[in-house]
Amino acid sequence: YVTGYTWCSLDGQDYTEGNSDGFIAKYGSNGKRKWIRLFGEAGKDIGEKVMIDSSGNILVYSTTRELGETFDERHTIYKVLTLFSNDGEKIWNILDMKTHA
């Protein structure tokens, strides 16, 4: 599995027109990509870590950032956990731990 972020559409999935979208991709043992999923909202979304649970579901830790109205305003950053099934369907996500940067 690979997670990260992008500024464009991937595999026909529309980019949300935000600052960036997070993604999760699953690869087979032969190195070929099986699927990829974009996630996020209007802010800057970044996939950071991937964990697999005992049922084979994929847990992605990411951050999302709401941008201030002006350059000098502080940004609001949220930590997000998103659970995907083994075939890439989003099951749930939890937005937590608001901080400022």
N, C-alpha and C. Protein backbone atom coordinates (compact mmCIF):
# COMPACT_ATOMS: atom_id res chain seq x y z
N TYR A 1 0.83 -1.18 0.00
CA TYR A 1 0.00 0.00 0.00
C TYR A 1 0.87 1.24 0.00
N VAL A 2 0.37 2.28 -0.66
CA VAL A 2 1.06 3.56 -0.70
C VAL A 2 0.02 4.64 -0.44
N THR A 3 0.37 5.64 0.36
CA THR A 3 -0.50 6.79 0.57
C THR A 3 0.31 8.05 0.38
N GLY A 4 -0.38 9.13 0.08
CA GLY A 4 0.28 10.41 -0.16
C GLY A 4 -0.74 11.45 -0.56
N TYR A 5 -0.34 12.33 -1.49
CA TYR A 5 -1.26 13.37 -1.96
C TYR A 5 -0.99 13.69 -3.42
N THR A 6 -1.99 14.32 -4.07
CA THR A 6 -1.90 14.68 -5.47
C THR A 6 -2.63 15.98 -5.72
N TRP A 7 -2.29 16.63 -6.83
CA TRP A 7 -3.00 17.83 -7.27
C TRP A 7 -3.73 17.59 -8.59
N CYS A 8 -4.02 16.33 -8.90
CA CYS A 8 -4.71 16.04 -10.15
C CYS A 8 -5.60 14.80 -10.00
N SER A 9 -6.43 14.56 -10.99
CA SER A 9 -7.29 13.37 -11.00
C SER A 9 -6.42 12.13 -11.24
N LEU A 10 -6.84 11.00 -10.67
CA LEU A 10 -6.12 9.74 -10.85
C LEU A 10 -7.10 8.65 -11.22
N ASP A 11 -6.77 7.87 -12.22
CA ASP A 11 -7.60 6.73 -12.65
C ASP A 11 -9.07 7.12 -12.84
N GLY A 12 -9.33 8.29 -13.39
CA GLY A 12 -10.70 8.72 -13.66
C GLY A 12 -11.45 9.24 -12.45
N GLN A 13 -10.81 9.30 -11.28
CA GLN A 13 -11.44 9.86 -10.09
C GLN A 13 -11.19 11.36 -10.06
N ASP A 14 -12.25 12.13 -9.89
CA ASP A 14 -12.13 13.58 -9.95
C ASP A 14 -11.41 14.15 -8.74
N TYR A 15 -10.53 15.05 -9.03
CA TYR A 15 -9.82 15.85 -8.03
C TYR A 15 -10.84 16.84 -7.47
N THR A 16 -10.81 17.13 -6.16
CA THR A 16 -11.84 17.97 -5.54
C THR A 16 -11.62 19.47 -5.71
N GLU A 17 -10.61 19.87 -6.46
CA GLU A 17 -10.32 21.29 -6.68
C GLU A 17 -9.85 21.99 -5.41
N GLY A 18 -9.49 21.25 -4.41
CA GLY A 18 -8.94 21.85 -3.20
C GLY A 18 -7.45 22.10 -3.39
N ASN A 19 -6.74 22.23 -2.29
CA ASN A 19 -5.32 22.45 -2.35
C ASN A 19 -4.58 21.18 -2.75
N SER A 20 -4.99 20.04 -2.20
CA SER A 20 -4.48 18.73 -2.62
C SER A 20 -5.47 17.68 -2.11
N ASP A 21 -5.47 16.52 -2.71
CA ASP A 21 -6.28 15.38 -2.26
C ASP A 21 -5.34 14.28 -1.81
N GLY A 22 -5.74 13.54 -0.78
CA GLY A 22 -5.00 12.37 -0.37
C GLY A 22 -5.34 11.20 -1.27
N PHE A 23 -4.49 10.16 -1.28
CA PHE A 23 -4.80 8.94 -2.01
C PHE A 23 -4.27 7.74 -1.25
N ILE A 24 -4.89 6.60 -1.51
CA ILE A 24 -4.42 5.30 -1.05
C ILE A 24 -4.40 4.38 -2.27
N ALA A 25 -3.32 3.65 -2.46
CA ALA A 25 -3.20 2.74 -3.59
C ALA A 25 -2.79 1.36 -3.08
N LYS A 26 -3.38 0.33 -3.67
CA LYS A 26 -3.03 -1.05 -3.32
C LYS A 26 -2.28 -1.67 -4.50
N TYR A 27 -1.18 -2.33 -4.18
CA TYR A 27 -0.36 -3.00 -5.19
C TYR A 27 -0.29 -4.49 -4.89
N GLY A 28 -0.23 -5.28 -5.94
CA GLY A 28 -0.07 -6.72 -5.80
C GLY A 28 1.39 -7.09 -5.59
N SER A 29 1.64 -8.36 -5.29
CA SER A 29 3.01 -8.83 -5.07
C SER A 29 3.88 -8.70 -6.32
N ASN A 30 3.24 -8.59 -7.50
CA ASN A 30 3.97 -8.41 -8.76
C ASN A 30 4.29 -6.94 -9.04
N GLY A 31 3.87 -6.03 -8.15
CA GLY A 31 4.15 -4.61 -8.31
C GLY A 31 3.12 -3.86 -9.13
N LYS A 32 2.11 -4.55 -9.63
CA LYS A 32 1.07 -3.87 -10.41
C LYS A 32 0.00 -3.32 -9.48
N ARG A 33 -0.44 -2.10 -9.82
CA ARG A 33 -1.47 -1.46 -9.00
C ARG A 33 -2.81 -2.16 -9.20
N LYS A 34 -3.48 -2.48 -8.08
CA LYS A 34 -4.81 -3.10 -8.13
C LYS A 34 -5.90 -2.04 -8.14
N TRP A 35 -5.73 -1.00 -7.32
CA TRP A 35 -6.69 0.10 -7.29
C TRP A 35 -6.06 1.31 -6.60
N ILE A 36 -6.70 2.45 -6.80
CA ILE A 36 -6.29 3.69 -6.14
C ILE A 36 -7.56 4.47 -5.81
N ARG A 37 -7.58 5.13 -4.66
CA ARG A 37 -8.74 5.92 -4.24
C ARG A 37 -8.27 7.28 -3.76
N LEU A 38 -8.95 8.33 -4.24
CA LEU A 38 -8.72 9.68 -3.75
C LEU A 38 -9.61 9.94 -2.54
N PHE A 39 -9.15 10.78 -1.62
CA PHE A 39 -9.99 11.20 -0.51
C PHE A 39 -9.64 12.62 -0.12
N GLY A 40 -10.59 13.30 0.50
CA GLY A 40 -10.36 14.64 0.99
C GLY A 40 -11.49 15.59 0.64
N GLU A 41 -11.31 16.81 1.07
CA GLU A 41 -12.30 17.87 0.88
C GLU A 41 -11.61 19.05 0.21
N ALA A 42 -12.09 20.27 0.50
CA ALA A 42 -11.59 21.46 -0.18
C ALA A 42 -10.22 21.92 0.31
N GLY A 43 -9.78 21.48 1.48
CA GLY A 43 -8.50 21.92 2.01
C GLY A 43 -7.34 21.09 1.48
N LYS A 44 -6.23 21.18 2.16
CA LYS A 44 -5.02 20.42 1.79
C LYS A 44 -5.06 19.09 2.53
N ASP A 45 -5.25 17.99 1.80
CA ASP A 45 -5.38 16.65 2.38
C ASP A 45 -4.14 15.83 2.02
N ILE A 46 -3.54 15.20 3.05
CA ILE A 46 -2.29 14.45 2.84
C ILE A 46 -2.38 13.11 3.56
N GLY A 47 -2.30 12.01 2.81
CA GLY A 47 -2.20 10.68 3.41
C GLY A 47 -0.80 10.49 3.96
N GLU A 48 -0.69 10.03 5.22
CA GLU A 48 0.62 9.93 5.85
C GLU A 48 1.04 8.53 6.26
N LYS A 49 0.11 7.71 6.76
CA LYS A 49 0.46 6.36 7.22
C LYS A 49 -0.64 5.39 6.84
N VAL A 50 -0.24 4.13 6.64
CA VAL A 50 -1.18 3.05 6.31
C VAL A 50 -0.98 1.91 7.29
N MET A 51 -2.09 1.41 7.83
CA MET A 51 -2.07 0.25 8.72
C MET A 51 -3.12 -0.74 8.24
N ILE A 52 -2.89 -2.02 8.45
CA ILE A 52 -3.84 -3.06 8.06
C ILE A 52 -4.36 -3.73 9.34
N ASP A 53 -5.70 -3.85 9.45
CA ASP A 53 -6.25 -4.51 10.64
C ASP A 53 -6.34 -6.01 10.43
N SER A 54 -6.78 -6.74 11.45
CA SER A 54 -6.81 -8.20 11.40
C SER A 54 -7.81 -8.75 10.38
N SER A 55 -8.75 -7.91 9.91
CA SER A 55 -9.72 -8.34 8.89
C SER A 55 -9.25 -8.00 7.48
N GLY A 56 -8.08 -7.37 7.35
CA GLY A 56 -7.57 -6.99 6.04
C GLY A 56 -8.03 -5.62 5.58
N ASN A 57 -8.75 -4.89 6.44
CA ASN A 57 -9.15 -3.52 6.10
C ASN A 57 -7.95 -2.59 6.23
N ILE A 58 -8.01 -1.47 5.52
CA ILE A 58 -6.90 -0.54 5.47
C ILE A 58 -7.26 0.71 6.25
N LEU A 59 -6.45 1.07 7.23
CA LEU A 59 -6.64 2.28 8.02
C LEU A 59 -5.62 3.30 7.57
N VAL A 60 -6.09 4.46 7.11
CA VAL A 60 -5.19 5.52 6.64
C VAL A 60 -5.23 6.68 7.62
N TYR A 61 -4.05 7.07 8.09
CA TYR A 61 -3.92 8.27 8.91
C TYR A 61 -3.54 9.40 7.97
N SER A 62 -4.28 10.51 8.06
CA SER A 62 -4.00 11.65 7.19
C SER A 62 -4.22 12.94 7.96
N THR A 63 -3.81 14.04 7.36
CA THR A 63 -4.12 15.36 7.91
C THR A 63 -4.85 16.15 6.84
N THR A 64 -5.69 17.05 7.30
CA THR A 64 -6.36 17.98 6.39
C THR A 64 -6.22 19.37 6.99
N ARG A 65 -6.05 20.34 6.13
CA ARG A 65 -5.77 21.70 6.58
C ARG A 65 -6.76 22.65 5.92
N GLU A 66 -7.47 23.41 6.75
CA GLU A 66 -8.32 24.48 6.25
C GLU A 66 -7.46 25.73 6.17
N LEU A 67 -7.46 26.36 5.01
CA LEU A 67 -6.63 27.54 4.83
C LEU A 67 -7.35 28.78 5.32
N GLY A 68 -6.61 29.72 5.91
CA GLY A 68 -7.18 30.99 6.36
C GLY A 68 -7.55 31.87 5.18
N GLU A 69 -8.32 32.92 5.45
CA GLU A 69 -8.75 33.85 4.40
C GLU A 69 -7.58 34.64 3.82
N THR A 70 -6.59 34.96 4.63
CA THR A 70 -5.44 35.71 4.15
C THR A 70 -4.17 34.93 4.47
N PHE A 71 -3.07 35.32 3.86
CA PHE A 71 -1.80 34.62 4.05
C PHE A 71 -1.37 34.63 5.51
N ASP A 72 -1.67 35.71 6.24
CA ASP A 72 -1.22 35.85 7.62
C ASP A 72 -2.06 35.06 8.63
N GLU A 73 -3.25 34.59 8.25
CA GLU A 73 -4.09 33.86 9.19
C GLU A 73 -3.52 32.47 9.45
N ARG A 74 -3.79 31.97 10.63
CA ARG A 74 -3.33 30.62 11.00
C ARG A 74 -4.17 29.58 10.27
N HIS A 75 -3.59 28.45 10.04
CA HIS A 75 -4.28 27.34 9.41
C HIS A 75 -4.81 26.39 10.49
N THR A 76 -5.99 25.82 10.25
CA THR A 76 -6.54 24.83 11.16
C THR A 76 -6.22 23.45 10.60
N ILE A 77 -5.58 22.60 11.39
CA ILE A 77 -5.17 21.28 10.95
C ILE A 77 -5.94 20.22 11.73
N TYR A 78 -6.48 19.24 11.03
CA TYR A 78 -7.19 18.13 11.66
C TYR A 78 -6.47 16.83 11.34
N LYS A 79 -6.45 15.93 12.29
CA LYS A 79 -5.96 14.58 12.06
C LYS A 79 -7.17 13.73 11.71
N VAL A 80 -7.01 12.86 10.71
CA VAL A 80 -8.13 12.08 10.20
C VAL A 80 -7.74 10.60 10.12
N LEU A 81 -8.64 9.73 10.55
CA LEU A 81 -8.50 8.29 10.34
C LEU A 81 -9.61 7.86 9.38
N THR A 82 -9.24 7.16 8.33
CA THR A 82 -10.22 6.66 7.36
C THR A 82 -10.02 5.16 7.20
N LEU A 83 -11.11 4.42 7.28
CA LEU A 83 -11.06 2.96 7.11
C LEU A 83 -11.60 2.60 5.73
N PHE A 84 -10.79 1.85 4.96
CA PHE A 84 -11.18 1.34 3.65
C PHE A 84 -11.25 -0.18 3.73
N SER A 85 -12.16 -0.76 2.98
CA SER A 85 -12.20 -2.23 2.89
C SER A 85 -11.03 -2.70 2.04
N ASN A 86 -10.78 -3.99 2.02
CA ASN A 86 -9.68 -4.57 1.25
C ASN A 86 -9.81 -4.27 -0.24
N ASP A 87 -11.05 -4.03 -0.72
CA ASP A 87 -11.23 -3.71 -2.14
C ASP A 87 -11.33 -2.21 -2.39
N GLY A 88 -11.04 -1.38 -1.37
CA GLY A 88 -10.92 0.06 -1.57
C GLY A 88 -12.17 0.88 -1.32
N GLU A 89 -13.21 0.28 -0.79
CA GLU A 89 -14.42 1.05 -0.49
C GLU A 89 -14.27 1.74 0.86
N LYS A 90 -14.59 3.04 0.92
CA LYS A 90 -14.49 3.76 2.18
C LYS A 90 -15.61 3.31 3.12
N ILE A 91 -15.23 2.92 4.35
CA ILE A 91 -16.18 2.44 5.35
C ILE A 91 -16.57 3.57 6.30
N TRP A 92 -15.58 4.29 6.82
CA TRP A 92 -15.84 5.43 7.69
C TRP A 92 -14.60 6.30 7.80
N ASN A 93 -14.79 7.52 8.34
CA ASN A 93 -13.65 8.34 8.71
C ASN A 93 -13.98 9.14 9.96
N ILE A 94 -12.95 9.48 10.70
CA ILE A 94 -13.08 10.23 11.95
C ILE A 94 -12.15 11.45 11.86
N LEU A 95 -12.72 12.62 12.07
CA LEU A 95 -11.97 13.86 12.09
C LEU A 95 -11.71 14.22 13.54
N ASP A 96 -10.45 14.50 13.90
CA ASP A 96 -10.13 14.66 15.32
C ASP A 96 -8.97 15.63 15.51
N MET A 97 -8.80 16.06 16.74
CA MET A 97 -7.61 16.76 17.20
C MET A 97 -7.28 18.02 16.41
N LYS A 98 -8.11 19.03 16.55
CA LYS A 98 -7.89 20.31 15.88
C LYS A 98 -6.68 21.01 16.48
N THR A 99 -5.76 21.43 15.64
CA THR A 99 -4.58 22.18 16.07
C THR A 99 -4.42 23.39 15.16
N HIS A 100 -3.52 24.27 15.48
CA HIS A 100 -3.27 25.44 14.65
C HIS A 100 -1.79 25.50 14.30
N ALA A 101 -1.52 25.96 13.09
CA ALA A 101 -0.13 26.11 12.65
C ALA A 101 0.07 27.45 12.00
